[in-house]
Amino acid sequence: MDPQQLKAIAAQLRKPEGTEAAEVVERMNKNNRNISLKTIELLELDSGDRILEIGPANGAYVAEILNGNEVKYTGIDYSADMVREAEILNEKFVSNERAQFVCGSSEDLPFEDGYFDKVFSVNTFYFWENPSQHLHEIRRVLKIGGQFNLGFGSRDFMEMLPFTKFGFNLYFPEEVKEYLVDASFRVDEIKALEPEIIEIVGQSIKKEFYIAICKKEY
């Protein structure tokens, strides 16, 4: 695959839009299913929780959150195309006001201080040009005692994916933890998921994902 094709893939992963978005997001949802569902599970949702997801794309996992849980969900995504797709896919939850989707960035969240009980995001950290700004905004909209779960791939693994050379900022788990601590989160655990062996461009590599489990103490 030539560099222009890889750049195009990277751009779609950052902000899915246009005619190619549906195929990219379908593949992304399939590849990210395990880490997404585990990140949600580790939120330990309680009845009445207000949940914020940063970067839900087409909202493929919203049903996993709302079925069986008496919570309210908000998703904010950088892509207006994905917001529209998420509203269509989750129409029943939108119509009964259990879910809403907003176009915007976690660098400047359009919500009041301390509004959410739980916040989570999966595979977005690589695209934040100023991670500290995003994390401070997330902390701002989180209630005292609230939880933030951040799912991400290890730098060792992500560097093996050919498209990550274009616009991805990659980190080791300890570097992600430093950003979280600097943003005044209490980091309870950086949980390593069970590695998977996958085939990429003719070679077997170990897929390594982590979930940072954090709290806002004050």
N, C-alpha and C. Protein backbone atom coordinates (compact mmCIF):
# COMPACT_ATOMS: atom_id res chain seq x y z
N MET A 1 0.84 -1.19 0.00
CA MET A 1 0.00 0.00 0.00
C MET A 1 0.88 1.25 0.00
N ASP A 2 0.61 2.18 -0.90
CA ASP A 2 1.48 3.35 -1.02
C ASP A 2 1.17 4.38 0.06
N PRO A 3 2.10 5.34 0.29
CA PRO A 3 1.93 6.32 1.37
C PRO A 3 0.63 7.12 1.28
N GLN A 4 0.17 7.45 0.08
CA GLN A 4 -1.06 8.22 -0.05
C GLN A 4 -2.27 7.45 0.45
N GLN A 5 -2.29 6.15 0.18
CA GLN A 5 -3.38 5.31 0.68
C GLN A 5 -3.34 5.21 2.20
N LEU A 6 -2.13 5.08 2.75
CA LEU A 6 -1.98 4.99 4.20
C LEU A 6 -2.39 6.31 4.88
N LYS A 7 -2.03 7.42 4.25
CA LYS A 7 -2.44 8.73 4.77
C LYS A 7 -3.96 8.85 4.78
N ALA A 8 -4.59 8.34 3.73
CA ALA A 8 -6.05 8.41 3.63
C ALA A 8 -6.71 7.58 4.74
N ILE A 9 -6.16 6.41 5.01
CA ILE A 9 -6.68 5.56 6.09
C ILE A 9 -6.53 6.27 7.42
N ALA A 10 -5.35 6.83 7.67
CA ALA A 10 -5.09 7.53 8.93
C ALA A 10 -6.05 8.70 9.11
N ALA A 11 -6.30 9.44 8.03
CA ALA A 11 -7.21 10.59 8.10
C ALA A 11 -8.63 10.14 8.43
N GLN A 12 -9.06 9.01 7.87
CA GLN A 12 -10.40 8.50 8.16
C GLN A 12 -10.51 8.00 9.59
N LEU A 13 -9.45 7.41 10.11
CA LEU A 13 -9.48 6.95 11.49
C LEU A 13 -9.55 8.12 12.46
N ARG A 14 -8.90 9.21 12.10
CA ARG A 14 -8.95 10.42 12.93
C ARG A 14 -10.34 11.05 12.88
N LYS A 15 -10.91 11.15 11.66
CA LYS A 15 -12.20 11.82 11.49
C LYS A 15 -12.95 11.16 10.34
N PRO A 16 -13.71 10.09 10.62
CA PRO A 16 -14.43 9.39 9.55
C PRO A 16 -15.48 10.30 8.91
N GLU A 17 -15.41 10.43 7.59
CA GLU A 17 -16.38 11.26 6.90
C GLU A 17 -16.39 10.91 5.42
N GLY A 18 -17.48 11.27 4.76
CA GLY A 18 -17.59 11.03 3.33
C GLY A 18 -17.97 9.61 2.97
N THR A 19 -17.78 9.27 1.70
CA THR A 19 -18.24 7.98 1.18
C THR A 19 -17.48 6.79 1.73
N GLU A 20 -16.25 6.99 2.15
CA GLU A 20 -15.43 5.88 2.64
C GLU A 20 -15.62 5.61 4.13
N ALA A 21 -16.31 6.50 4.82
CA ALA A 21 -16.39 6.42 6.28
C ALA A 21 -17.06 5.15 6.78
N ALA A 22 -18.16 4.73 6.13
CA ALA A 22 -18.92 3.58 6.61
C ALA A 22 -18.05 2.32 6.67
N GLU A 23 -17.29 2.09 5.60
CA GLU A 23 -16.43 0.90 5.55
C GLU A 23 -15.33 0.97 6.61
N VAL A 24 -14.72 2.15 6.75
CA VAL A 24 -13.65 2.32 7.74
C VAL A 24 -14.19 2.09 9.15
N VAL A 25 -15.35 2.65 9.45
CA VAL A 25 -15.91 2.54 10.80
C VAL A 25 -16.35 1.11 11.10
N GLU A 26 -16.91 0.43 10.10
CA GLU A 26 -17.29 -0.97 10.31
C GLU A 26 -16.07 -1.82 10.69
N ARG A 27 -14.97 -1.61 9.97
CA ARG A 27 -13.74 -2.34 10.28
C ARG A 27 -13.17 -1.93 11.64
N MET A 28 -13.24 -0.64 11.93
CA MET A 28 -12.75 -0.12 13.20
C MET A 28 -13.54 -0.70 14.37
N ASN A 29 -14.86 -0.75 14.24
CA ASN A 29 -15.70 -1.31 15.31
C ASN A 29 -15.40 -2.78 15.55
N LYS A 30 -15.18 -3.51 14.47
CA LYS A 30 -14.85 -4.93 14.60
C LYS A 30 -13.51 -5.12 15.32
N ASN A 31 -12.51 -4.34 14.92
CA ASN A 31 -11.18 -4.47 15.52
C ASN A 31 -11.13 -3.99 16.96
N ASN A 32 -12.00 -3.04 17.30
CA ASN A 32 -11.96 -2.44 18.63
C ASN A 32 -13.00 -3.01 19.60
N ARG A 33 -13.73 -4.02 19.16
CA ARG A 33 -14.85 -4.51 19.97
C ARG A 33 -14.41 -4.93 21.38
N ASN A 34 -13.35 -5.71 21.48
CA ASN A 34 -12.95 -6.22 22.79
C ASN A 34 -12.57 -5.09 23.75
N ILE A 35 -11.73 -4.16 23.28
CA ILE A 35 -11.29 -3.10 24.18
C ILE A 35 -12.46 -2.16 24.51
N SER A 36 -13.35 -1.92 23.56
CA SER A 36 -14.48 -1.04 23.82
C SER A 36 -15.41 -1.63 24.88
N LEU A 37 -15.76 -2.89 24.73
CA LEU A 37 -16.67 -3.52 25.68
C LEU A 37 -16.03 -3.65 27.06
N LYS A 38 -14.73 -3.92 27.11
CA LYS A 38 -14.06 -4.02 28.40
C LYS A 38 -13.97 -2.65 29.08
N THR A 39 -13.71 -1.60 28.29
CA THR A 39 -13.66 -0.25 28.84
C THR A 39 -15.00 0.14 29.45
N ILE A 40 -16.10 -0.23 28.78
CA ILE A 40 -17.44 0.03 29.29
C ILE A 40 -17.70 -0.79 30.55
N GLU A 41 -17.35 -2.06 30.51
CA GLU A 41 -17.57 -2.94 31.67
C GLU A 41 -16.88 -2.39 32.92
N LEU A 42 -15.67 -1.88 32.75
CA LEU A 42 -14.89 -1.41 33.90
C LEU A 42 -15.37 -0.07 34.43
N LEU A 43 -16.33 0.56 33.76
CA LEU A 43 -16.95 1.77 34.32
C LEU A 43 -17.82 1.45 35.53
N GLU A 44 -18.29 0.20 35.60
CA GLU A 44 -19.16 -0.24 36.71
C GLU A 44 -20.33 0.73 36.86
N LEU A 45 -21.18 0.76 35.85
CA LEU A 45 -22.28 1.72 35.79
C LEU A 45 -23.28 1.53 36.92
N ASP A 46 -23.76 2.65 37.43
CA ASP A 46 -24.79 2.67 38.47
C ASP A 46 -26.04 3.32 37.94
N SER A 47 -27.18 2.95 38.48
CA SER A 47 -28.44 3.54 38.08
C SER A 47 -28.40 5.06 38.26
N GLY A 48 -28.84 5.76 37.23
CA GLY A 48 -28.87 7.21 37.28
C GLY A 48 -27.61 7.89 36.77
N ASP A 49 -26.58 7.12 36.44
CA ASP A 49 -25.33 7.72 35.96
C ASP A 49 -25.55 8.47 34.65
N ARG A 50 -24.84 9.59 34.53
CA ARG A 50 -24.72 10.29 33.25
C ARG A 50 -23.37 9.91 32.66
N ILE A 51 -23.40 9.38 31.44
CA ILE A 51 -22.21 8.84 30.80
C ILE A 51 -21.83 9.71 29.60
N LEU A 52 -20.54 10.00 29.47
CA LEU A 52 -20.03 10.69 28.29
C LEU A 52 -19.01 9.80 27.60
N GLU A 53 -19.20 9.58 26.29
CA GLU A 53 -18.19 8.90 25.48
C GLU A 53 -17.58 9.91 24.51
N ILE A 54 -16.26 9.93 24.47
CA ILE A 54 -15.54 10.81 23.56
C ILE A 54 -15.08 10.00 22.36
N GLY A 55 -15.56 10.37 21.18
CA GLY A 55 -15.19 9.67 19.95
C GLY A 55 -15.95 8.39 19.72
N PRO A 56 -17.29 8.40 19.79
CA PRO A 56 -18.06 7.16 19.60
C PRO A 56 -18.21 6.73 18.14
N ALA A 57 -17.77 7.56 17.19
CA ALA A 57 -18.01 7.30 15.76
C ALA A 57 -19.51 7.10 15.53
N ASN A 58 -19.93 5.93 15.02
CA ASN A 58 -21.36 5.74 14.74
C ASN A 58 -22.14 5.17 15.92
N GLY A 59 -21.54 5.19 17.09
CA GLY A 59 -22.25 4.77 18.30
C GLY A 59 -22.59 3.30 18.35
N ALA A 60 -21.69 2.47 17.86
CA ALA A 60 -21.96 1.04 17.73
C ALA A 60 -22.17 0.34 19.06
N TYR A 61 -21.64 0.89 20.15
CA TYR A 61 -21.71 0.21 21.44
C TYR A 61 -22.68 0.86 22.41
N VAL A 62 -23.46 1.82 21.94
CA VAL A 62 -24.40 2.50 22.84
C VAL A 62 -25.44 1.54 23.41
N ALA A 63 -25.91 0.61 22.59
CA ALA A 63 -26.88 -0.36 23.08
C ALA A 63 -26.32 -1.21 24.22
N GLU A 64 -25.01 -1.49 24.17
CA GLU A 64 -24.37 -2.26 25.24
C GLU A 64 -24.42 -1.50 26.56
N ILE A 65 -24.42 -0.17 26.49
CA ILE A 65 -24.47 0.66 27.69
C ILE A 65 -25.89 0.80 28.20
N LEU A 66 -26.85 1.03 27.30
CA LEU A 66 -28.20 1.40 27.72
C LEU A 66 -29.12 0.21 27.95
N ASN A 67 -28.87 -0.91 27.30
CA ASN A 67 -29.72 -2.09 27.55
C ASN A 67 -29.39 -2.69 28.92
N GLY A 68 -30.35 -2.63 29.82
CA GLY A 68 -30.14 -3.21 31.15
C GLY A 68 -29.55 -2.25 32.16
N ASN A 69 -29.24 -1.02 31.75
CA ASN A 69 -28.71 -0.02 32.68
C ASN A 69 -29.58 1.23 32.65
N GLU A 70 -29.99 1.71 33.80
CA GLU A 70 -30.80 2.92 33.88
C GLU A 70 -29.87 4.13 33.95
N VAL A 71 -29.28 4.44 32.81
CA VAL A 71 -28.32 5.54 32.72
C VAL A 71 -28.68 6.40 31.51
N LYS A 72 -28.07 7.58 31.44
CA LYS A 72 -28.22 8.45 30.27
C LYS A 72 -26.85 8.63 29.62
N TYR A 73 -26.85 8.60 28.31
CA TYR A 73 -25.61 8.59 27.53
C TYR A 73 -25.51 9.81 26.64
N THR A 74 -24.30 10.39 26.58
CA THR A 74 -23.98 11.43 25.62
C THR A 74 -22.70 11.02 24.88
N GLY A 75 -22.71 11.16 23.57
CA GLY A 75 -21.50 10.92 22.78
C GLY A 75 -21.11 12.19 22.05
N ILE A 76 -19.82 12.53 22.09
CA ILE A 76 -19.34 13.69 21.35
C ILE A 76 -18.28 13.23 20.36
N ASP A 77 -18.48 13.59 19.11
CA ASP A 77 -17.56 13.16 18.06
C ASP A 77 -17.18 14.34 17.18
N TYR A 78 -15.94 14.29 16.69
CA TYR A 78 -15.36 15.35 15.86
C TYR A 78 -15.99 15.40 14.47
N SER A 79 -16.60 14.29 14.05
CA SER A 79 -17.15 14.16 12.70
C SER A 79 -18.67 14.35 12.70
N ALA A 80 -19.15 15.35 11.96
CA ALA A 80 -20.59 15.56 11.84
C ALA A 80 -21.26 14.37 11.14
N ASP A 81 -20.55 13.74 10.20
CA ASP A 81 -21.09 12.56 9.52
C ASP A 81 -21.35 11.43 10.51
N MET A 82 -20.42 11.25 11.45
CA MET A 82 -20.58 10.18 12.44
C MET A 82 -21.70 10.49 13.43
N VAL A 83 -21.87 11.75 13.77
CA VAL A 83 -22.97 12.13 14.66
C VAL A 83 -24.30 11.76 14.00
N ARG A 84 -24.44 12.05 12.72
CA ARG A 84 -25.68 11.69 12.01
C ARG A 84 -25.88 10.18 11.97
N GLU A 85 -24.81 9.43 11.67
CA GLU A 85 -24.91 7.97 11.63
C GLU A 85 -25.27 7.40 12.99
N ALA A 86 -24.68 7.95 14.05
CA ALA A 86 -24.97 7.47 15.40
C ALA A 86 -26.42 7.73 15.79
N GLU A 87 -26.95 8.87 15.38
CA GLU A 87 -28.36 9.18 15.68
C GLU A 87 -29.30 8.22 14.95
N ILE A 88 -28.94 7.84 13.73
CA ILE A 88 -29.77 6.88 12.98
C ILE A 88 -29.69 5.49 13.61
N LEU A 89 -28.47 5.05 13.91
CA LEU A 89 -28.28 3.71 14.47
C LEU A 89 -28.93 3.57 15.84
N ASN A 90 -28.97 4.65 16.60
CA ASN A 90 -29.50 4.61 17.97
C ASN A 90 -30.79 5.43 18.09
N GLU A 91 -31.59 5.39 17.04
CA GLU A 91 -32.78 6.24 16.97
C GLU A 91 -33.71 6.02 18.16
N LYS A 92 -33.89 4.78 18.59
CA LYS A 92 -34.84 4.53 19.68
C LYS A 92 -34.36 5.14 20.98
N PHE A 93 -33.05 5.15 21.20
CA PHE A 93 -32.51 5.73 22.43
C PHE A 93 -32.53 7.26 22.37
N VAL A 94 -32.33 7.80 21.17
CA VAL A 94 -32.40 9.26 21.00
C VAL A 94 -33.84 9.73 21.20
N SER A 95 -34.79 8.99 20.63
CA SER A 95 -36.20 9.42 20.68
C SER A 95 -36.75 9.38 22.10
N ASN A 96 -36.25 8.44 22.94
CA ASN A 96 -36.74 8.41 24.32
C ASN A 96 -35.82 9.18 25.28
N GLU A 97 -34.90 9.96 24.69
CA GLU A 97 -34.03 10.88 25.42
C GLU A 97 -33.09 10.19 26.41
N ARG A 98 -32.74 8.96 26.08
CA ARG A 98 -31.72 8.27 26.88
C ARG A 98 -30.33 8.44 26.28
N ALA A 99 -30.27 8.89 25.01
CA ALA A 99 -28.98 9.12 24.35
C ALA A 99 -29.05 10.40 23.53
N GLN A 100 -27.92 11.09 23.48
CA GLN A 100 -27.78 12.23 22.58
C GLN A 100 -26.37 12.24 22.01
N PHE A 101 -26.24 12.80 20.81
CA PHE A 101 -24.95 12.88 20.14
C PHE A 101 -24.68 14.32 19.75
N VAL A 102 -23.44 14.74 19.98
CA VAL A 102 -23.03 16.13 19.78
C VAL A 102 -21.79 16.15 18.92
N CYS A 103 -21.70 17.10 18.01
CA CYS A 103 -20.49 17.28 17.22
C CYS A 103 -19.58 18.28 17.93
N GLY A 104 -18.35 17.86 18.20
CA GLY A 104 -17.43 18.74 18.89
C GLY A 104 -16.16 18.00 19.28
N SER A 105 -15.33 18.67 20.05
CA SER A 105 -14.04 18.13 20.45
C SER A 105 -13.91 18.12 21.96
N SER A 106 -13.20 17.11 22.48
CA SER A 106 -12.96 17.07 23.93
C SER A 106 -11.96 18.12 24.37
N GLU A 107 -11.40 18.86 23.42
CA GLU A 107 -10.52 19.97 23.77
C GLU A 107 -11.32 21.16 24.32
N ASP A 108 -12.62 21.19 23.99
CA ASP A 108 -13.49 22.28 24.45
C ASP A 108 -14.90 21.71 24.57
N LEU A 109 -15.19 21.05 25.67
CA LEU A 109 -16.44 20.33 25.84
C LEU A 109 -17.59 21.28 26.15
N PRO A 110 -18.72 21.15 25.45
CA PRO A 110 -19.86 22.07 25.64
C PRO A 110 -20.79 21.63 26.76
N PHE A 111 -20.21 21.31 27.92
CA PHE A 111 -20.99 20.85 29.06
C PHE A 111 -20.54 21.59 30.32
N GLU A 112 -21.44 21.67 31.28
CA GLU A 112 -21.13 22.39 32.52
C GLU A 112 -20.21 21.57 33.42
N ASP A 113 -19.58 22.25 34.35
CA ASP A 113 -18.66 21.60 35.29
C ASP A 113 -19.40 20.51 36.07
N GLY A 114 -18.71 19.37 36.25
CA GLY A 114 -19.23 18.31 37.10
C GLY A 114 -20.53 17.68 36.64
N TYR A 115 -20.79 17.67 35.34
CA TYR A 115 -22.08 17.19 34.84
C TYR A 115 -22.16 15.66 34.77
N PHE A 116 -21.03 14.99 34.47
CA PHE A 116 -21.06 13.55 34.22
C PHE A 116 -20.52 12.74 35.39
N ASP A 117 -21.11 11.54 35.55
CA ASP A 117 -20.62 10.60 36.58
C ASP A 117 -19.48 9.75 36.05
N LYS A 118 -19.54 9.40 34.77
CA LYS A 118 -18.55 8.53 34.15
C LYS A 118 -18.23 9.05 32.76
N VAL A 119 -16.95 9.00 32.38
CA VAL A 119 -16.51 9.39 31.04
C VAL A 119 -15.59 8.29 30.53
N PHE A 120 -15.68 7.97 29.24
CA PHE A 120 -14.73 7.01 28.68
C PHE A 120 -14.42 7.35 27.24
N SER A 121 -13.29 6.84 26.78
CA SER A 121 -12.86 7.03 25.40
C SER A 121 -11.91 5.91 25.02
N VAL A 122 -12.02 5.47 23.77
CA VAL A 122 -11.18 4.37 23.27
C VAL A 122 -10.52 4.80 21.97
N ASN A 123 -9.20 4.68 21.93
CA ASN A 123 -8.42 4.93 20.71
C ASN A 123 -8.60 6.34 20.14
N THR A 124 -8.64 7.31 21.03
CA THR A 124 -8.67 8.71 20.61
C THR A 124 -7.41 9.46 21.03
N PHE A 125 -6.73 8.98 22.04
CA PHE A 125 -5.62 9.70 22.65
C PHE A 125 -4.52 10.04 21.64
N TYR A 126 -4.34 9.17 20.64
CA TYR A 126 -3.29 9.38 19.64
C TYR A 126 -3.50 10.64 18.81
N PHE A 127 -4.75 11.11 18.73
CA PHE A 127 -5.09 12.21 17.84
C PHE A 127 -5.13 13.57 18.55
N TRP A 128 -4.91 13.57 19.85
CA TRP A 128 -4.98 14.81 20.61
C TRP A 128 -3.64 15.54 20.51
N GLU A 129 -3.64 16.68 19.84
CA GLU A 129 -2.40 17.43 19.68
C GLU A 129 -1.92 18.00 21.00
N ASN A 130 -2.85 18.32 21.87
CA ASN A 130 -2.52 18.82 23.21
C ASN A 130 -3.26 17.96 24.24
N PRO A 131 -2.73 16.78 24.59
CA PRO A 131 -3.44 15.87 25.49
C PRO A 131 -3.83 16.52 26.82
N SER A 132 -2.98 17.38 27.34
CA SER A 132 -3.26 18.00 28.64
C SER A 132 -4.56 18.81 28.59
N GLN A 133 -4.77 19.54 27.50
CA GLN A 133 -6.00 20.33 27.38
C GLN A 133 -7.23 19.43 27.36
N HIS A 134 -7.18 18.36 26.61
CA HIS A 134 -8.30 17.42 26.56
C HIS A 134 -8.58 16.82 27.94
N LEU A 135 -7.53 16.40 28.62
CA LEU A 135 -7.70 15.76 29.92
C LEU A 135 -8.23 16.73 30.97
N HIS A 136 -7.78 17.97 30.94
CA HIS A 136 -8.31 18.95 31.88
C HIS A 136 -9.79 19.24 31.61
N GLU A 137 -10.19 19.25 30.34
CA GLU A 137 -11.60 19.43 30.01
C GLU A 137 -12.43 18.24 30.48
N ILE A 138 -11.91 17.05 30.28
CA ILE A 138 -12.62 15.84 30.74
C ILE A 138 -12.79 15.89 32.25
N ARG A 139 -11.73 16.26 32.94
CA ARG A 139 -11.81 16.34 34.40
C ARG A 139 -12.81 17.41 34.84
N ARG A 140 -12.86 18.51 34.10
CA ARG A 140 -13.76 19.60 34.45
C ARG A 140 -15.22 19.14 34.43
N VAL A 141 -15.63 18.38 33.41
CA VAL A 141 -17.04 17.99 33.28
C VAL A 141 -17.39 16.75 34.10
N LEU A 142 -16.41 16.18 34.78
CA LEU A 142 -16.62 14.99 35.60
C LEU A 142 -16.93 15.40 37.04
N LYS A 143 -17.88 14.71 37.65
CA LYS A 143 -18.20 14.98 39.05
C LYS A 143 -17.04 14.58 39.96
N ILE A 144 -16.95 15.21 41.11
CA ILE A 144 -16.01 14.74 42.13
C ILE A 144 -16.40 13.31 42.51
N GLY A 145 -15.42 12.42 42.50
CA GLY A 145 -15.69 11.00 42.72
C GLY A 145 -16.02 10.24 41.45
N GLY A 146 -16.11 10.97 40.33
CA GLY A 146 -16.43 10.34 39.06
C GLY A 146 -15.25 9.58 38.47
N GLN A 147 -15.54 8.74 37.49
CA GLN A 147 -14.54 7.84 36.91
C GLN A 147 -14.33 8.13 35.43
N PHE A 148 -13.07 8.06 35.02
CA PHE A 148 -12.69 8.21 33.61
C PHE A 148 -11.87 7.00 33.19
N ASN A 149 -12.34 6.29 32.15
CA ASN A 149 -11.61 5.15 31.60
C ASN A 149 -11.11 5.50 30.20
N LEU A 150 -9.82 5.25 29.97
CA LEU A 150 -9.19 5.58 28.70
C LEU A 150 -8.55 4.34 28.11
N GLY A 151 -9.06 3.88 26.96
CA GLY A 151 -8.50 2.72 26.29
C GLY A 151 -7.55 3.14 25.18
N PHE A 152 -6.40 2.45 25.10
CA PHE A 152 -5.40 2.82 24.09
C PHE A 152 -4.49 1.64 23.79
N GLY A 153 -3.83 1.70 22.64
CA GLY A 153 -2.87 0.68 22.26
C GLY A 153 -1.47 1.10 22.66
N SER A 154 -0.64 0.13 23.02
CA SER A 154 0.74 0.42 23.40
C SER A 154 1.53 0.91 22.19
N ARG A 155 2.51 1.74 22.44
CA ARG A 155 3.34 2.26 21.35
C ARG A 155 4.00 1.12 20.58
N ASP A 156 4.49 0.09 21.29
CA ASP A 156 5.16 -1.03 20.63
C ASP A 156 4.27 -1.66 19.57
N PHE A 157 2.99 -1.86 19.92
CA PHE A 157 2.06 -2.46 18.98
C PHE A 157 1.67 -1.48 17.87
N MET A 158 1.32 -0.27 18.26
CA MET A 158 0.81 0.70 17.29
C MET A 158 1.85 1.05 16.22
N GLU A 159 3.13 1.03 16.57
CA GLU A 159 4.17 1.35 15.59
C GLU A 159 4.25 0.32 14.47
N MET A 160 3.70 -0.87 14.69
CA MET A 160 3.72 -1.91 13.67
C MET A 160 2.62 -1.74 12.63
N LEU A 161 1.66 -0.86 12.92
CA LEU A 161 0.58 -0.60 11.97
C LEU A 161 1.04 0.46 10.98
N PRO A 162 1.04 0.18 9.69
CA PRO A 162 1.69 1.08 8.73
C PRO A 162 1.10 2.48 8.65
N PHE A 163 -0.19 2.63 8.97
CA PHE A 163 -0.83 3.94 8.84
C PHE A 163 -0.54 4.87 10.01
N THR A 164 0.00 4.35 11.13
CA THR A 164 0.22 5.20 12.30
C THR A 164 1.40 6.16 12.11
N LYS A 165 2.11 6.02 11.00
CA LYS A 165 3.18 6.99 10.70
C LYS A 165 2.60 8.35 10.30
N PHE A 166 1.30 8.39 10.04
CA PHE A 166 0.69 9.60 9.50
C PHE A 166 -0.34 10.17 10.48
N GLY A 167 0.13 11.07 11.34
CA GLY A 167 -0.78 11.81 12.20
C GLY A 167 -1.13 11.17 13.52
N PHE A 168 -0.48 10.08 13.89
CA PHE A 168 -0.70 9.44 15.17
C PHE A 168 0.41 9.84 16.14
N ASN A 169 0.05 10.17 17.38
CA ASN A 169 1.01 10.37 18.46
C ASN A 169 0.94 9.15 19.37
N LEU A 170 2.02 8.41 19.47
CA LEU A 170 2.01 7.12 20.15
C LEU A 170 2.72 7.21 21.50
N TYR A 171 2.23 6.39 22.46
CA TYR A 171 2.72 6.49 23.83
C TYR A 171 2.87 5.11 24.46
N PHE A 172 3.82 5.01 25.37
CA PHE A 172 3.90 3.85 26.26
C PHE A 172 2.93 4.07 27.42
N PRO A 173 2.48 3.00 28.07
CA PRO A 173 1.51 3.16 29.17
C PRO A 173 1.97 4.12 30.26
N GLU A 174 3.26 4.09 30.60
CA GLU A 174 3.73 4.99 31.65
C GLU A 174 3.66 6.45 31.23
N GLU A 175 3.77 6.71 29.92
CA GLU A 175 3.65 8.09 29.43
C GLU A 175 2.19 8.57 29.53
N VAL A 176 1.25 7.69 29.20
CA VAL A 176 -0.17 8.03 29.34
C VAL A 176 -0.48 8.31 30.80
N LYS A 177 0.05 7.49 31.70
CA LYS A 177 -0.18 7.71 33.13
C LYS A 177 0.34 9.06 33.58
N GLU A 178 1.49 9.46 33.08
CA GLU A 178 2.05 10.77 33.45
C GLU A 178 1.12 11.90 33.05
N TYR A 179 0.56 11.83 31.85
CA TYR A 179 -0.40 12.85 31.41
C TYR A 179 -1.61 12.89 32.34
N LEU A 180 -2.11 11.72 32.71
CA LEU A 180 -3.29 11.66 33.57
C LEU A 180 -3.01 12.23 34.95
N VAL A 181 -1.88 11.88 35.52
CA VAL A 181 -1.50 12.39 36.84
C VAL A 181 -1.30 13.90 36.77
N ASP A 182 -0.65 14.38 35.72
CA ASP A 182 -0.43 15.83 35.56
C ASP A 182 -1.75 16.59 35.45
N ALA A 183 -2.79 15.92 34.94
CA ALA A 183 -4.11 16.54 34.83
C ALA A 183 -4.92 16.37 36.11
N SER A 184 -4.28 15.90 37.17
CA SER A 184 -4.88 15.76 38.51
C SER A 184 -5.88 14.63 38.63
N PHE A 185 -5.75 13.61 37.79
CA PHE A 185 -6.51 12.38 37.99
C PHE A 185 -5.76 11.47 38.95
N ARG A 186 -6.52 10.71 39.74
CA ARG A 186 -5.93 9.60 40.48
C ARG A 186 -6.01 8.37 39.60
N VAL A 187 -4.87 7.81 39.26
CA VAL A 187 -4.84 6.64 38.38
C VAL A 187 -4.84 5.39 39.25
N ASP A 188 -5.96 4.68 39.25
CA ASP A 188 -6.08 3.48 40.08
C ASP A 188 -5.38 2.29 39.47
N GLU A 189 -5.40 2.21 38.13
CA GLU A 189 -4.81 1.05 37.45
C GLU A 189 -4.62 1.36 35.97
N ILE A 190 -3.53 0.85 35.41
CA ILE A 190 -3.39 0.77 33.95
C ILE A 190 -3.50 -0.72 33.64
N LYS A 191 -4.69 -1.13 33.23
CA LYS A 191 -4.99 -2.55 33.09
C LYS A 191 -4.59 -3.05 31.71
N ALA A 192 -3.76 -4.07 31.66
CA ALA A 192 -3.36 -4.68 30.39
C ALA A 192 -4.39 -5.74 29.99
N LEU A 193 -4.89 -5.65 28.77
CA LEU A 193 -5.80 -6.68 28.27
C LEU A 193 -5.01 -7.88 27.79
N GLU A 194 -5.67 -8.99 27.72
CA GLU A 194 -5.03 -10.21 27.22
C GLU A 194 -4.56 -9.99 25.78
N PRO A 195 -3.27 -10.17 25.51
CA PRO A 195 -2.77 -9.92 24.15
C PRO A 195 -3.41 -10.86 23.13
N GLU A 196 -3.58 -10.36 21.92
CA GLU A 196 -4.07 -11.16 20.80
C GLU A 196 -3.00 -11.17 19.71
N ILE A 197 -2.88 -12.27 19.01
CA ILE A 197 -1.97 -12.36 17.88
C ILE A 197 -2.77 -12.10 16.60
N ILE A 198 -2.35 -11.10 15.84
CA ILE A 198 -3.04 -10.76 14.60
C ILE A 198 -2.03 -10.75 13.45
N GLU A 199 -2.56 -10.82 12.23
CA GLU A 199 -1.72 -10.79 11.03
C GLU A 199 -1.78 -9.40 10.40
N ILE A 200 -0.65 -8.75 10.27
CA ILE A 200 -0.56 -7.44 9.64
C ILE A 200 0.53 -7.49 8.57
N VAL A 201 0.16 -7.13 7.34
CA VAL A 201 1.07 -7.13 6.19
C VAL A 201 2.01 -8.34 6.21
N GLY A 202 1.43 -9.52 6.36
CA GLY A 202 2.19 -10.76 6.24
C GLY A 202 3.00 -11.18 7.45
N GLN A 203 2.85 -10.46 8.58
CA GLN A 203 3.59 -10.87 9.76
C GLN A 203 2.66 -10.95 10.98
N SER A 204 2.99 -11.85 11.89
CA SER A 204 2.21 -12.01 13.11
C SER A 204 2.74 -11.05 14.17
N ILE A 205 1.85 -10.25 14.73
CA ILE A 205 2.26 -9.33 15.78
C ILE A 205 1.31 -9.44 16.96
N LYS A 206 1.80 -9.04 18.11
CA LYS A 206 1.02 -9.12 19.34
C LYS A 206 0.26 -7.81 19.55
N LYS A 207 -1.05 -7.93 19.61
CA LYS A 207 -1.92 -6.77 19.79
C LYS A 207 -2.03 -6.47 21.29
N GLU A 208 -1.51 -5.32 21.70
CA GLU A 208 -1.47 -4.98 23.12
C GLU A 208 -2.28 -3.71 23.39
N PHE A 209 -3.34 -3.86 24.19
CA PHE A 209 -4.17 -2.72 24.56
C PHE A 209 -4.22 -2.58 26.08
N TYR A 210 -4.44 -1.34 26.50
CA TYR A 210 -4.50 -1.02 27.92
C TYR A 210 -5.72 -0.16 28.20
N ILE A 211 -6.18 -0.21 29.45
CA ILE A 211 -7.25 0.68 29.90
C ILE A 211 -6.78 1.36 31.18
N ALA A 212 -6.70 2.68 31.13
CA ALA A 212 -6.39 3.47 32.32
C ALA A 212 -7.70 3.74 33.06
N ILE A 213 -7.73 3.39 34.35
CA ILE A 213 -8.92 3.58 35.19
C ILE A 213 -8.59 4.68 36.19
N CYS A 214 -9.31 5.79 36.08
CA CYS A 214 -8.95 7.01 36.82
C CYS A 214 -10.15 7.56 37.58
N LYS A 215 -9.86 8.36 38.61
CA LYS A 215 -10.91 9.01 39.40
C LYS A 215 -10.57 10.50 39.56
N LYS A 216 -11.64 11.27 39.70
CA LYS A 216 -11.50 12.69 40.08
C LYS A 216 -11.76 12.79 41.57
N GLU A 217 -10.72 13.07 42.32
CA GLU A 217 -10.84 13.06 43.79
C GLU A 217 -11.34 14.36 44.37
N TYR A 218 -11.11 15.47 43.70
CA TYR A 218 -11.48 16.77 44.28
C TYR A 218 -11.81 17.76 43.16
